[in-house]
Amino acid sequence: MTLDWPTLLPLIFAGLMGLAILVYVVLDGFDLGIGILFAASDAHEKDTMIAAIGPFWDANETWLVLAVGLLLVAFPVAHGVILTALYIPVFVLLVGLILRGVAFDFRAKVPVHRKKRWDALFCIGSLAASLSQGYMLGVYVLGLETGLPAIGFGLLVALCLAASYAAMGAAWLIYKTEGDLQRKAVRFLRSALVFTAVGMVAVSLATPFASPRIFEKWFTWPEIALLAPLPIVTGAAFLGLWLLTFRMPAPGDRHAITPFLTLAAIFALGFAGLAYSFYPFVVPDRLTIWEAAAATESLAIILAGTAVVLPVMIGASFYVYRVFSGKAGDLSYD
């Protein structure tokens, strides 16, 4: 492959889009997960949980905007194919995100006796957004198929991704809270890890059988040797995290951030496996990165804009997470 600009620019944008999706899944995953955990929390716990995500959750969602924006402007043909096939789950995703955004603000402004309904809507919106993302992942893995088996697999992945987000939310609460809520978060994490593991195994088993090309990339030599460390390291990370939950919370709050970082690493490993499997296609077995890419001149202009926007987003994220580090306190709107 000749690495001239027409070849290199689509690769750069595919990498940027993948980075944006991964960062979104990790960062917005924990606040979606906390919204899901609202279903098993009391009123005071919900206030503390909101305080744990309040400074971050709007900024987290900008990574989804970046990922979809890059798909639209850099790979317009793929954008049309993917969103046409996934129109309904995308609609559910948007409704869920809007609903949780409205509920997040309204729960602070309504009389106390009406707060419960907005808490419930925040939970419903978070669950709807999580399930729709999982369904889209499942259908995408199967090549955007529309039959009943694909729908069933999409629903399985939807449930498991929602559980994965709940695990991320529990891990974030372990880091940001203390006392009874922190201990409760440890129990949440232990339960959600089971479904997270089931989801990753299901996606891993389905991916090579979704395409003969992917099967060959997985199970021929020397590719199988190159890919083997991914499931081994992922399995070891799951086992280590599971065992760690039985020793938490630790004295002095040691290793409180470890569950979150471990789950982030697990998500990154899973994403790397999917990227390896589907490369060079952006729409599985239909459109390659270069077939779906916009004109080279357009990509060059977009890259200049991205070179300005992306460092600002990264810098702002680091700044916000640094300023609001430490434990979440009592929620106050004064």
C-alpha atoms as a PDB file:
ATOM      1  CA  MET A   1       0.000   0.000   0.000  1.00  0.00           C
ATOM      2  CA  THR A   2       1.391   3.384  -1.045  1.00  0.00           C
ATOM      3  CA  LEU A   3       1.087   5.884   1.775  1.00  0.00           C
ATOM      4  CA  ASP A   4       0.175   8.940  -0.291  1.00  0.00           C
ATOM      5  CA  TRP A   5      -2.425  11.447   0.923  1.00  0.00           C
ATOM      6  CA  PRO A   6      -5.444   9.746  -0.767  1.00  0.00           C
ATOM      7  CA  THR A   7      -4.482   6.568   1.072  1.00  0.00           C
ATOM      8  CA  LEU A   8      -3.362   8.083   4.357  1.00  0.00           C
ATOM      9  CA  LEU A   9      -6.143  10.594   5.045  1.00  0.00           C
ATOM     10  CA  PRO A  10      -8.984   8.018   5.217  1.00  0.00           C
ATOM     11  CA  LEU A  11      -6.828   5.941   7.593  1.00  0.00           C
ATOM     12  CA  ILE A  12      -6.252   8.979   9.812  1.00  0.00           C
ATOM     13  CA  PHE A  13      -9.980   9.722   9.981  1.00  0.00           C
ATOM     14  CA  ALA A  14     -10.834   6.090  10.659  1.00  0.00           C
ATOM     15  CA  GLY A  15      -8.395   6.199  13.584  1.00  0.00           C
ATOM     16  CA  LEU A  16      -9.824   9.489  14.877  1.00  0.00           C
ATOM     17  CA  MET A  17     -13.373   8.189  14.640  1.00  0.00           C
ATOM     18  CA  GLY A  18     -12.398   5.002  16.457  1.00  0.00           C
ATOM     19  CA  LEU A  19     -10.675   7.030  19.181  1.00  0.00           C
ATOM     20  CA  ALA A  20     -13.753   9.222  19.642  1.00  0.00           C
ATOM     21  CA  ILE A  21     -16.033   6.176  19.920  1.00  0.00           C
ATOM     22  CA  LEU A  22     -13.753   4.484  22.458  1.00  0.00           C
ATOM     23  CA  VAL A  23     -13.437   7.614  24.611  1.00  0.00           C
ATOM     24  CA  TYR A  24     -17.201   8.096  24.464  1.00  0.00           C
ATOM     25  CA  VAL A  25     -17.902   4.516  25.534  1.00  0.00           C
ATOM     26  CA  VAL A  26     -15.545   4.812  28.515  1.00  0.00           C
ATOM     27  CA  LEU A  27     -16.513   8.298  29.675  1.00  0.00           C
ATOM     28  CA  ASP A  28     -20.208   8.486  28.877  1.00  0.00           C
ATOM     29  CA  GLY A  29     -20.479   4.814  29.770  1.00  0.00           C
ATOM     30  CA  PHE A  30     -20.026   5.519  33.465  1.00  0.00           C
ATOM     31  CA  ASP A  31     -22.652   8.270  33.642  1.00  0.00           C
ATOM     32  CA  LEU A  32     -25.133   6.214  31.616  1.00  0.00           C
ATOM     33  CA  GLY A  33     -24.390   3.362  34.009  1.00  0.00           C
ATOM     34  CA  ILE A  34     -25.044   5.554  37.038  1.00  0.00           C
ATOM     35  CA  GLY A  35     -28.382   6.500  35.490  1.00  0.00           C
ATOM     36  CA  ILE A  36     -29.223   2.793  35.173  1.00  0.00           C
ATOM     37  CA  LEU A  37     -28.238   2.223  38.818  1.00  0.00           C
ATOM     38  CA  PHE A  38     -30.825   4.840  39.849  1.00  0.00           C
ATOM     39  CA  ALA A  39     -33.317   1.964  39.746  1.00  0.00           C
ATOM     40  CA  ALA A  40     -31.713   0.399  42.849  1.00  0.00           C
ATOM     41  CA  SER A  41     -30.886   3.565  44.818  1.00  0.00           C
ATOM     42  CA  ASP A  42     -32.705   5.676  47.392  1.00  0.00           C
ATOM     43  CA  ALA A  43     -33.272   9.443  47.209  1.00  0.00           C
ATOM     44  CA  HIS A  44     -30.148  10.490  49.119  1.00  0.00           C
ATOM     45  CA  GLU A  45     -27.969   8.066  47.127  1.00  0.00           C
ATOM     46  CA  LYS A  46     -29.345   9.488  43.871  1.00  0.00           C
ATOM     47  CA  ASP A  47     -28.324  12.996  44.897  1.00  0.00           C
ATOM     48  CA  THR A  48     -24.793  11.810  45.639  1.00  0.00           C
ATOM     49  CA  MET A  49     -24.696   9.909  42.340  1.00  0.00           C
ATOM     50  CA  ILE A  50     -25.730  13.041  40.449  1.00  0.00           C
ATOM     51  CA  ALA A  51     -22.996  14.977  42.257  1.00  0.00           C
ATOM     52  CA  ALA A  52     -20.513  12.314  41.115  1.00  0.00           C
ATOM     53  CA  ILE A  53     -21.301  12.884  37.422  1.00  0.00           C
ATOM     54  CA  GLY A  54     -22.611  16.460  37.361  1.00  0.00           C
ATOM     55  CA  PRO A  55     -19.402  18.229  36.270  1.00  0.00           C
ATOM     56  CA  PHE A  56     -18.582  15.655  33.588  1.00  0.00           C
ATOM     57  CA  TRP A  57     -21.600  14.224  31.797  1.00  0.00           C
ATOM     58  CA  ASP A  58     -22.227  17.031  29.274  1.00  0.00           C
ATOM     59  CA  ALA A  59     -18.574  17.026  28.218  1.00  0.00           C
ATOM     60  CA  ASN A  60     -18.599  13.226  27.927  1.00  0.00           C
ATOM     61  CA  GLU A  61     -21.334  13.330  25.295  1.00  0.00           C
ATOM     62  CA  THR A  62     -19.328  15.663  23.046  1.00  0.00           C
ATOM     63  CA  TRP A  63     -17.233  12.637  22.070  1.00  0.00           C
ATOM     64  CA  LEU A  64     -20.336  11.029  20.549  1.00  0.00           C
ATOM     65  CA  VAL A  65     -20.963  14.235  18.591  1.00  0.00           C
ATOM     66  CA  LEU A  66     -17.357  14.149  17.354  1.00  0.00           C
ATOM     67  CA  ALA A  67     -17.591  10.475  16.323  1.00  0.00           C
ATOM     68  CA  VAL A  68     -20.871  10.906  14.412  1.00  0.00           C
ATOM     69  CA  GLY A  69     -19.634  14.167  12.898  1.00  0.00           C
ATOM     70  CA  LEU A  70     -16.472  12.508  11.610  1.00  0.00           C
ATOM     71  CA  LEU A  71     -18.535   9.638  10.179  1.00  0.00           C
ATOM     72  CA  LEU A  72     -20.777  12.136   8.373  1.00  0.00           C
ATOM     73  CA  VAL A  73     -18.117  14.399   6.897  1.00  0.00           C
ATOM     74  CA  ALA A  74     -15.282  11.904   6.352  1.00  0.00           C
ATOM     75  CA  PHE A  75     -17.280   8.813   5.354  1.00  0.00           C
ATOM     76  CA  PRO A  76     -20.608  10.134   4.013  1.00  0.00           C
ATOM     77  CA  VAL A  77     -21.462   6.983   2.052  1.00  0.00           C
ATOM     78  CA  ALA A  78     -20.963   4.801   5.141  1.00  0.00           C
ATOM     79  CA  HIS A  79     -22.950   7.309   7.229  1.00  0.00           C
ATOM     80  CA  GLY A  80     -25.919   6.863   4.879  1.00  0.00           C
ATOM     81  CA  VAL A  81     -25.723   3.061   4.857  1.00  0.00           C
ATOM     82  CA  ILE A  82     -25.256   2.655   8.627  1.00  0.00           C
ATOM     83  CA  LEU A  83     -27.902   5.158   9.736  1.00  0.00           C
ATOM     84  CA  THR A  84     -30.410   3.832   7.203  1.00  0.00           C
ATOM     85  CA  ALA A  85     -29.976   0.307   8.564  1.00  0.00           C
ATOM     86  CA  LEU A  86     -30.067   1.477  12.190  1.00  0.00           C
ATOM     87  CA  TYR A  87     -32.678   4.239  11.906  1.00  0.00           C
ATOM     88  CA  ILE A  88     -34.957   3.034  14.717  1.00  0.00           C
ATOM     89  CA  PRO A  89     -32.238   2.340  17.350  1.00  0.00           C
ATOM     90  CA  VAL A  90     -30.612   5.694  16.505  1.00  0.00           C
ATOM     91  CA  PHE A  91     -33.990   7.358  17.100  1.00  0.00           C
ATOM     92  CA  VAL A  92     -34.314   5.549  20.446  1.00  0.00           C
ATOM     93  CA  LEU A  93     -30.769   6.625  21.347  1.00  0.00           C
ATOM     94  CA  LEU A  94     -31.542  10.276  20.673  1.00  0.00           C
ATOM     95  CA  VAL A  95     -34.812  10.143  22.602  1.00  0.00           C
ATOM     96  CA  GLY A  96     -33.003   8.524  25.545  1.00  0.00           C
ATOM     97  CA  LEU A  97     -30.244  11.149  25.560  1.00  0.00           C
ATOM     98  CA  ILE A  98     -32.751  14.000  25.341  1.00  0.00           C
ATOM     99  CA  LEU A  99     -34.927  12.481  28.063  1.00  0.00           C
ATOM    100  CA  ARG A 100     -32.050  12.054  30.508  1.00  0.00           C
ATOM    101  CA  GLY A 101     -30.793  15.566  29.784  1.00  0.00           C
ATOM    102  CA  VAL A 102     -34.195  17.095  30.528  1.00  0.00           C
ATOM    103  CA  ALA A 103     -34.642  14.935  33.631  1.00  0.00           C
ATOM    104  CA  PHE A 104     -31.159  15.841  34.903  1.00  0.00           C
ATOM    105  CA  ASP A 105     -32.083  19.539  34.967  1.00  0.00           C
ATOM    106  CA  PHE A 106     -35.741  19.258  35.965  1.00  0.00           C
ATOM    107  CA  ARG A 107     -35.097  17.063  39.014  1.00  0.00           C
ATOM    108  CA  ALA A 108     -33.326  20.056  40.554  1.00  0.00           C
ATOM    109  CA  LYS A 109     -36.126  22.524  39.823  1.00  0.00           C
ATOM    110  CA  VAL A 110     -39.386  20.755  40.601  1.00  0.00           C
ATOM    111  CA  PRO A 111     -41.033  20.439  44.051  1.00  0.00           C
ATOM    112  CA  VAL A 112     -39.716  17.559  46.147  1.00  0.00           C
ATOM    113  CA  HIS A 113     -42.843  15.440  45.707  1.00  0.00           C
ATOM    114  CA  ARG A 114     -42.353  15.484  41.901  1.00  0.00           C
ATOM    115  CA  LYS A 115     -38.646  14.686  41.972  1.00  0.00           C
ATOM    116  CA  LYS A 116     -39.213  10.918  41.856  1.00  0.00           C
ATOM    117  CA  ARG A 117     -40.808  11.018  38.415  1.00  0.00           C
ATOM    118  CA  TRP A 118     -37.818  12.872  36.964  1.00  0.00           C
ATOM    119  CA  ASP A 119     -35.445  10.454  38.659  1.00  0.00           C
ATOM    120  CA  ALA A 120     -37.393   7.635  37.017  1.00  0.00           C
ATOM    121  CA  LEU A 121     -37.177   9.357  33.632  1.00  0.00           C
ATOM    122  CA  PHE A 122     -33.434   9.873  34.084  1.00  0.00           C
ATOM    123  CA  CYS A 123     -33.100   6.128  34.661  1.00  0.00           C
ATOM    124  CA  ILE A 124     -35.350   5.273  31.696  1.00  0.00           C
ATOM    125  CA  GLY A 125     -33.455   7.636  29.399  1.00  0.00           C
ATOM    126  CA  SER A 126     -30.101   6.189  30.467  1.00  0.00           C
ATOM    127  CA  LEU A 127     -31.351   2.630  29.970  1.00  0.00           C
ATOM    128  CA  ALA A 128     -32.880   3.411  26.563  1.00  0.00           C
ATOM    129  CA  ALA A 129     -29.643   5.046  25.343  1.00  0.00           C
ATOM    130  CA  SER A 130     -27.553   2.117  26.589  1.00  0.00           C
ATOM    131  CA  LEU A 131     -29.803  -0.575  25.118  1.00  0.00           C
ATOM    132  CA  SER A 132     -29.965   1.149  21.733  1.00  0.00           C
ATOM    133  CA  GLN A 133     -26.171   1.409  21.563  1.00  0.00           C
ATOM    134  CA  GLY A 134     -25.814  -2.268  22.427  1.00  0.00           C
ATOM    135  CA  TYR A 135     -28.384  -3.259  19.810  1.00  0.00           C
ATOM    136  CA  MET A 136     -26.547  -1.227  17.170  1.00  0.00           C
ATOM    137  CA  LEU A 137     -23.265  -2.908  18.101  1.00  0.00           C
ATOM    138  CA  GLY A 138     -24.804  -6.369  17.829  1.00  0.00           C
ATOM    139  CA  VAL A 139     -26.373  -5.702  14.433  1.00  0.00           C
ATOM    140  CA  TYR A 140     -23.183  -4.047  13.157  1.00  0.00           C
ATOM    141  CA  VAL A 141     -21.102  -7.073  14.170  1.00  0.00           C
ATOM    142  CA  LEU A 142     -23.415  -9.258  12.052  1.00  0.00           C
ATOM    143  CA  GLY A 143     -22.964  -7.010   9.025  1.00  0.00           C
ATOM    144  CA  LEU A 144     -26.146  -4.930   9.476  1.00  0.00           C
ATOM    145  CA  GLU A 145     -28.360  -7.955   8.927  1.00  0.00           C
ATOM    146  CA  THR A 146     -32.101  -7.499   9.531  1.00  0.00           C
ATOM    147  CA  GLY A 147     -33.404 -11.042  10.093  1.00  0.00           C
ATOM    148  CA  LEU A 148     -34.729 -12.475  13.335  1.00  0.00           C
ATOM    149  CA  PRO A 149     -31.374 -14.039  14.365  1.00  0.00           C
ATOM    150  CA  ALA A 150     -29.681 -10.646  13.968  1.00  0.00           C
ATOM    151  CA  ILE A 151     -32.432  -8.942  15.969  1.00  0.00           C
ATOM    152  CA  GLY A 152     -32.138 -11.559  18.725  1.00  0.00           C
ATOM    153  CA  PHE A 153     -28.381 -11.189  18.858  1.00  0.00           C
ATOM    154  CA  GLY A 154     -28.738  -7.413  18.897  1.00  0.00           C
ATOM    155  CA  LEU A 155     -31.078  -7.643  21.887  1.00  0.00           C
ATOM    156  CA  LEU A 156     -28.607  -9.903  23.737  1.00  0.00           C
ATOM    157  CA  VAL A 157     -25.751  -7.481  23.156  1.00  0.00           C
ATOM    158  CA  ALA A 158     -28.045  -4.596  24.145  1.00  0.00           C
ATOM    159  CA  LEU A 159     -28.679  -6.140  27.566  1.00  0.00           C
ATOM    160  CA  CYS A 160     -25.010  -6.940  28.073  1.00  0.00           C
ATOM    161  CA  LEU A 161     -23.805  -3.483  27.043  1.00  0.00           C
ATOM    162  CA  ALA A 162     -26.299  -1.910  29.452  1.00  0.00           C
ATOM    163  CA  ALA A 163     -24.842  -4.148  32.171  1.00  0.00           C
ATOM    164  CA  SER A 164     -21.340  -3.106  31.092  1.00  0.00           C
ATOM    165  CA  TYR A 165     -22.280   0.534  31.479  1.00  0.00           C
ATOM    166  CA  ALA A 166     -23.771  -0.267  34.882  1.00  0.00           C
ATOM    167  CA  ALA A 167     -20.416  -1.840  35.803  1.00  0.00           C
ATOM    168  CA  MET A 168     -18.625   1.321  34.642  1.00  0.00           C
ATOM    169  CA  GLY A 169     -21.036   3.417  36.702  1.00  0.00           C
ATOM    170  CA  ALA A 170     -20.460   1.264  39.778  1.00  0.00           C
ATOM    171  CA  ALA A 171     -16.684   1.501  39.298  1.00  0.00           C
ATOM    172  CA  TRP A 172     -16.932   5.295  39.057  1.00  0.00           C
ATOM    173  CA  LEU A 173     -19.002   5.389  42.273  1.00  0.00           C
ATOM    174  CA  ILE A 174     -16.345   3.325  44.031  1.00  0.00           C
ATOM    175  CA  TYR A 175     -13.857   6.016  43.082  1.00  0.00           C
ATOM    176  CA  LYS A 176     -16.059   9.062  43.793  1.00  0.00           C
ATOM    177  CA  THR A 177     -18.035   8.049  46.887  1.00  0.00           C
ATOM    178  CA  GLU A 178     -17.481   6.593  50.335  1.00  0.00           C
ATOM    179  CA  GLY A 179     -19.356   4.834  53.120  1.00  0.00           C
ATOM    180  CA  ASP A 180     -22.530   2.844  52.456  1.00  0.00           C
ATOM    181  CA  LEU A 181     -22.899   3.965  48.833  1.00  0.00           C
ATOM    182  CA  GLN A 182     -19.333   2.903  48.048  1.00  0.00           C
ATOM    183  CA  ARG A 183     -19.952  -0.533  49.549  1.00  0.00           C
ATOM    184  CA  LYS A 184     -23.193  -0.793  47.595  1.00  0.00           C
ATOM    185  CA  ALA A 185     -21.327   0.145  44.423  1.00  0.00           C
ATOM    186  CA  VAL A 186     -18.946  -2.759  44.992  1.00  0.00           C
ATOM    187  CA  ARG A 187     -21.933  -5.133  45.065  1.00  0.00           C
ATOM    188  CA  PHE A 188     -23.321  -3.507  41.915  1.00  0.00           C
ATOM    189  CA  LEU A 189     -19.996  -3.989  40.154  1.00  0.00           C
ATOM    190  CA  ARG A 190     -19.715  -7.635  41.139  1.00  0.00           C
ATOM    191  CA  SER A 191     -23.164  -8.409  39.699  1.00  0.00           C
ATOM    192  CA  ALA A 192     -22.733  -6.365  36.514  1.00  0.00           C
ATOM    193  CA  LEU A 193     -19.352  -7.966  35.724  1.00  0.00           C
ATOM    194  CA  VAL A 194     -21.055 -11.284  35.017  1.00  0.00           C
ATOM    195  CA  PHE A 195     -23.231  -9.802  32.262  1.00  0.00           C
ATOM    196  CA  THR A 196     -20.319  -7.736  30.947  1.00  0.00           C
ATOM    197  CA  ALA A 197     -18.285 -10.905  30.492  1.00  0.00           C
ATOM    198  CA  VAL A 198     -21.219 -12.692  28.833  1.00  0.00           C
ATOM    199  CA  GLY A 199     -21.611  -9.810  26.374  1.00  0.00           C
ATOM    200  CA  MET A 200     -17.940  -9.775  25.415  1.00  0.00           C
ATOM    201  CA  VAL A 201     -17.913 -13.542  24.956  1.00  0.00           C
ATOM    202  CA  ALA A 202     -21.076 -13.376  22.814  1.00  0.00           C
ATOM    203  CA  VAL A 203     -19.634 -10.671  20.555  1.00  0.00           C
ATOM    204  CA  SER A 204     -16.309 -12.532  20.351  1.00  0.00           C
ATOM    205  CA  LEU A 205     -18.010 -15.781  19.352  1.00  0.00           C
ATOM    206  CA  ALA A 206     -20.314 -14.152  16.797  1.00  0.00           C
ATOM    207  CA  THR A 207     -17.728 -11.941  15.086  1.00  0.00           C
ATOM    208  CA  PRO A 208     -15.675 -14.628  13.264  1.00  0.00           C
ATOM    209  CA  PHE A 209     -18.834 -16.428  12.106  1.00  0.00           C
ATOM    210  CA  ALA A 210     -20.378 -13.238  10.735  1.00  0.00           C
ATOM    211  CA  SER A 211     -17.931 -13.271   7.830  1.00  0.00           C
ATOM    212  CA  PRO A 212     -15.628 -15.879   6.229  1.00  0.00           C
ATOM    213  CA  ARG A 213     -13.066 -13.090   5.827  1.00  0.00           C
ATOM    214  CA  ILE A 214     -13.026 -12.397   9.582  1.00  0.00           C
ATOM    215  CA  PHE A 215     -12.919 -16.127  10.357  1.00  0.00           C
ATOM    216  CA  GLU A 216      -9.816 -16.421   8.223  1.00  0.00           C
ATOM    217  CA  LYS A 217      -8.205 -13.394   9.942  1.00  0.00           C
ATOM    218  CA  TRP A 218      -8.799 -15.025  13.330  1.00  0.00           C
ATOM    219  CA  PHE A 219      -7.915 -18.642  12.751  1.00  0.00           C
ATOM    220  CA  THR A 220      -5.055 -18.763  10.250  1.00  0.00           C
ATOM    221  CA  TRP A 221      -1.361 -18.694  11.067  1.00  0.00           C
ATOM    222  CA  PRO A 222       0.328 -16.383  12.030  1.00  0.00           C
ATOM    223  CA  GLU A 223      -2.731 -14.156  12.610  1.00  0.00           C
ATOM    224  CA  ILE A 224      -4.077 -16.405  15.361  1.00  0.00           C
ATOM    225  CA  ALA A 225      -0.827 -15.980  17.305  1.00  0.00           C
ATOM    226  CA  LEU A 226      -1.013 -12.183  16.984  1.00  0.00           C
ATOM    227  CA  LEU A 227      -4.652 -12.088  18.127  1.00  0.00           C
ATOM    228  CA  ALA A 228      -4.369 -14.610  20.974  1.00  0.00           C
ATOM    229  CA  PRO A 229      -3.008 -12.142  23.575  1.00  0.00           C
ATOM    230  CA  LEU A 230      -6.205 -10.045  23.396  1.00  0.00           C
ATOM    231  CA  PRO A 231      -8.602 -12.637  24.889  1.00  0.00           C
ATOM    232  CA  ILE A 232      -5.944 -13.893  27.311  1.00  0.00           C
ATOM    233  CA  VAL A 233      -5.220 -10.426  28.708  1.00  0.00           C
ATOM    234  CA  THR A 234      -8.941  -9.578  28.761  1.00  0.00           C
ATOM    235  CA  GLY A 235      -9.764 -12.754  30.676  1.00  0.00           C
ATOM    236  CA  ALA A 236      -6.977 -12.057  33.160  1.00  0.00           C
ATOM    237  CA  ALA A 237      -8.269  -8.499  33.650  1.00  0.00           C
ATOM    238  CA  PHE A 238     -11.793  -9.782  34.315  1.00  0.00           C
ATOM    239  CA  LEU A 239     -10.512 -12.335  36.812  1.00  0.00           C
ATOM    240  CA  GLY A 240      -8.307  -9.800  38.577  1.00  0.00           C
ATOM    241  CA  LEU A 241     -11.152  -7.286  38.814  1.00  0.00           C
ATOM    242  CA  TRP A 242     -13.571  -9.927  40.106  1.00  0.00           C
ATOM    243  CA  LEU A 243     -11.139 -10.944  42.858  1.00  0.00           C
ATOM    244  CA  LEU A 244     -10.450  -7.300  43.699  1.00  0.00           C
ATOM    245  CA  THR A 245     -14.125  -6.643  44.423  1.00  0.00           C
ATOM    246  CA  PHE A 246     -13.943  -9.014  47.403  1.00  0.00           C
ATOM    247  CA  ARG A 247     -11.239  -6.820  48.984  1.00  0.00           C
ATOM    248  CA  MET A 248     -13.002  -3.506  48.493  1.00  0.00           C
ATOM    249  CA  PRO A 249     -13.420  -0.950  49.804  1.00  0.00           C
ATOM    250  CA  ALA A 250      -9.808  -1.172  50.930  1.00  0.00           C
ATOM    251  CA  PRO A 251      -8.440   0.589  54.032  1.00  0.00           C
ATOM    252  CA  GLY A 252      -7.530   4.187  53.274  1.00  0.00           C
ATOM    253  CA  ASP A 253      -9.549   3.942  50.034  1.00  0.00           C
ATOM    254  CA  ARG A 254      -6.556   2.367  48.300  1.00  0.00           C
ATOM    255  CA  HIS A 255      -7.045   1.220  44.701  1.00  0.00           C
ATOM    256  CA  ALA A 256     -10.424   3.005  44.471  1.00  0.00           C
ATOM    257  CA  ILE A 257      -9.714   4.043  40.871  1.00  0.00           C
ATOM    258  CA  THR A 258      -8.429   0.580  39.867  1.00  0.00           C
ATOM    259  CA  PRO A 259     -11.818  -0.965  38.932  1.00  0.00           C
ATOM    260  CA  PHE A 260     -12.623   1.939  36.610  1.00  0.00           C
ATOM    261  CA  LEU A 261      -9.212   1.852  34.929  1.00  0.00           C
ATOM    262  CA  THR A 262      -9.399  -1.928  34.577  1.00  0.00           C
ATOM    263  CA  LEU A 263     -12.811  -1.759  32.905  1.00  0.00           C
ATOM    264  CA  ALA A 264     -11.554   1.008  30.614  1.00  0.00           C
ATOM    265  CA  ALA A 265      -8.662  -1.272  29.612  1.00  0.00           C
ATOM    266  CA  ILE A 266     -11.082  -4.163  28.998  1.00  0.00           C
ATOM    267  CA  PHE A 267     -13.211  -1.947  26.752  1.00  0.00           C
ATOM    268  CA  ALA A 268     -10.083  -0.829  24.885  1.00  0.00           C
ATOM    269  CA  LEU A 269      -8.990  -4.435  24.326  1.00  0.00           C
ATOM    270  CA  GLY A 270     -12.437  -5.383  23.041  1.00  0.00           C
ATOM    271  CA  PHE A 271     -12.448  -2.375  20.735  1.00  0.00           C
ATOM    272  CA  ALA A 272      -9.002  -3.307  19.425  1.00  0.00           C
ATOM    273  CA  GLY A 273     -10.269  -6.789  18.618  1.00  0.00           C
ATOM    274  CA  LEU A 274     -13.241  -5.409  16.683  1.00  0.00           C
ATOM    275  CA  ALA A 275     -11.055  -2.909  14.820  1.00  0.00           C
ATOM    276  CA  TYR A 276      -8.655  -5.668  13.822  1.00  0.00           C
ATOM    277  CA  SER A 277     -11.530  -7.902  12.713  1.00  0.00           C
ATOM    278  CA  PHE A 278     -13.342  -5.404  10.501  1.00  0.00           C
ATOM    279  CA  TYR A 279     -10.355  -3.570   8.999  1.00  0.00           C
ATOM    280  CA  PRO A 280     -10.281  -2.355   6.226  1.00  0.00           C
ATOM    281  CA  PHE A 281     -14.085  -2.158   6.111  1.00  0.00           C
ATOM    282  CA  VAL A 282     -16.103   0.658   7.667  1.00  0.00           C
ATOM    283  CA  VAL A 283     -19.353  -1.082   6.685  1.00  0.00           C
ATOM    284  CA  PRO A 284     -18.732  -4.812   7.251  1.00  0.00           C
ATOM    285  CA  ASP A 285     -17.873  -6.559   3.969  1.00  0.00           C
ATOM    286  CA  ARG A 286     -19.546  -3.780   1.935  1.00  0.00           C
ATOM    287  CA  LEU A 287     -17.503  -0.583   1.986  1.00  0.00           C
ATOM    288  CA  THR A 288     -13.818  -0.200   2.728  1.00  0.00           C
ATOM    289  CA  ILE A 289     -12.413   2.901   4.426  1.00  0.00           C
ATOM    290  CA  TRP A 290     -11.251   4.249   1.036  1.00  0.00           C
ATOM    291  CA  GLU A 291     -14.475   3.463  -0.842  1.00  0.00           C
ATOM    292  CA  ALA A 292     -16.546   5.299   1.769  1.00  0.00           C
ATOM    293  CA  ALA A 293     -14.198   8.265   2.225  1.00  0.00           C
ATOM    294  CA  ALA A 294     -14.919  11.794   1.049  1.00  0.00           C
ATOM    295  CA  ALA A 295     -12.697  13.520  -1.523  1.00  0.00           C
ATOM    296  CA  THR A 296      -9.066  14.009  -0.538  1.00  0.00           C
ATOM    297  CA  GLU A 297      -9.420  17.803  -0.699  1.00  0.00           C
ATOM    298  CA  SER A 298     -12.413  17.698   1.647  1.00  0.00           C
ATOM    299  CA  LEU A 299     -10.603  15.439   4.093  1.00  0.00           C
ATOM    300  CA  ALA A 300      -7.608  17.800   4.138  1.00  0.00           C
ATOM    301  CA  ILE A 301      -9.838  20.743   5.106  1.00  0.00           C
ATOM    302  CA  ILE A 302     -11.657  18.680   7.750  1.00  0.00           C
ATOM    303  CA  LEU A 303      -8.329  17.499   9.170  1.00  0.00           C
ATOM    304  CA  ALA A 304      -7.243  21.104   9.683  1.00  0.00           C
ATOM    305  CA  GLY A 305     -10.417  21.772  11.689  1.00  0.00           C
ATOM    306  CA  THR A 306     -10.026  18.558  13.654  1.00  0.00           C
ATOM    307  CA  ALA A 307      -6.440  19.486  14.524  1.00  0.00           C
ATOM    308  CA  VAL A 308      -7.857  22.530  16.320  1.00  0.00           C
ATOM    309  CA  VAL A 309     -10.967  20.978  17.896  1.00  0.00           C
ATOM    310  CA  LEU A 310      -9.508  17.703  19.173  1.00  0.00           C
ATOM    311  CA  PRO A 311      -6.716  19.165  21.355  1.00  0.00           C
ATOM    312  CA  VAL A 312      -9.236  21.603  22.844  1.00  0.00           C
ATOM    313  CA  MET A 313     -11.584  18.737  23.727  1.00  0.00           C
ATOM    314  CA  ILE A 314      -8.783  16.678  25.243  1.00  0.00           C
ATOM    315  CA  GLY A 315      -7.400  19.628  27.200  1.00  0.00           C
ATOM    316  CA  ALA A 316     -10.847  20.618  28.478  1.00  0.00           C
ATOM    317  CA  SER A 317     -11.563  17.053  29.582  1.00  0.00           C
ATOM    318  CA  PHE A 318      -8.293  16.793  31.506  1.00  0.00           C
ATOM    319  CA  TYR A 319      -8.920  20.180  33.110  1.00  0.00           C
ATOM    320  CA  VAL A 320     -12.482  19.324  34.220  1.00  0.00           C
ATOM    321  CA  TYR A 321     -11.509  15.937  35.616  1.00  0.00           C
ATOM    322  CA  ARG A 322      -8.597  17.496  37.477  1.00  0.00           C
ATOM    323  CA  VAL A 323     -10.612  20.386  38.948  1.00  0.00           C
ATOM    324  CA  PHE A 324     -13.424  18.107  40.116  1.00  0.00           C
ATOM    325  CA  SER A 325     -11.256  15.237  41.344  1.00  0.00           C
ATOM    326  CA  GLY A 326     -11.859  13.812  44.781  1.00  0.00           C
ATOM    327  CA  LYS A 327     -14.966  12.501  46.450  1.00  0.00           C
ATOM    328  CA  ALA A 328     -18.470  13.680  45.565  1.00  0.00           C
ATOM    329  CA  GLY A 329     -20.079  15.647  48.375  1.00  0.00           C
ATOM    330  CA  ASP A 330     -23.662  16.498  49.236  1.00  0.00           C
ATOM    331  CA  LEU A 331     -25.551  17.848  46.242  1.00  0.00           C
ATOM    332  CA  SER A 332     -26.359  21.554  46.393  1.00  0.00           C
ATOM    333  CA  TYR A 333     -27.826  23.927  43.824  1.00  0.00           C
ATOM    334  CA  ASP A 334     -27.114  27.115  45.772  1.00  0.00           C
END
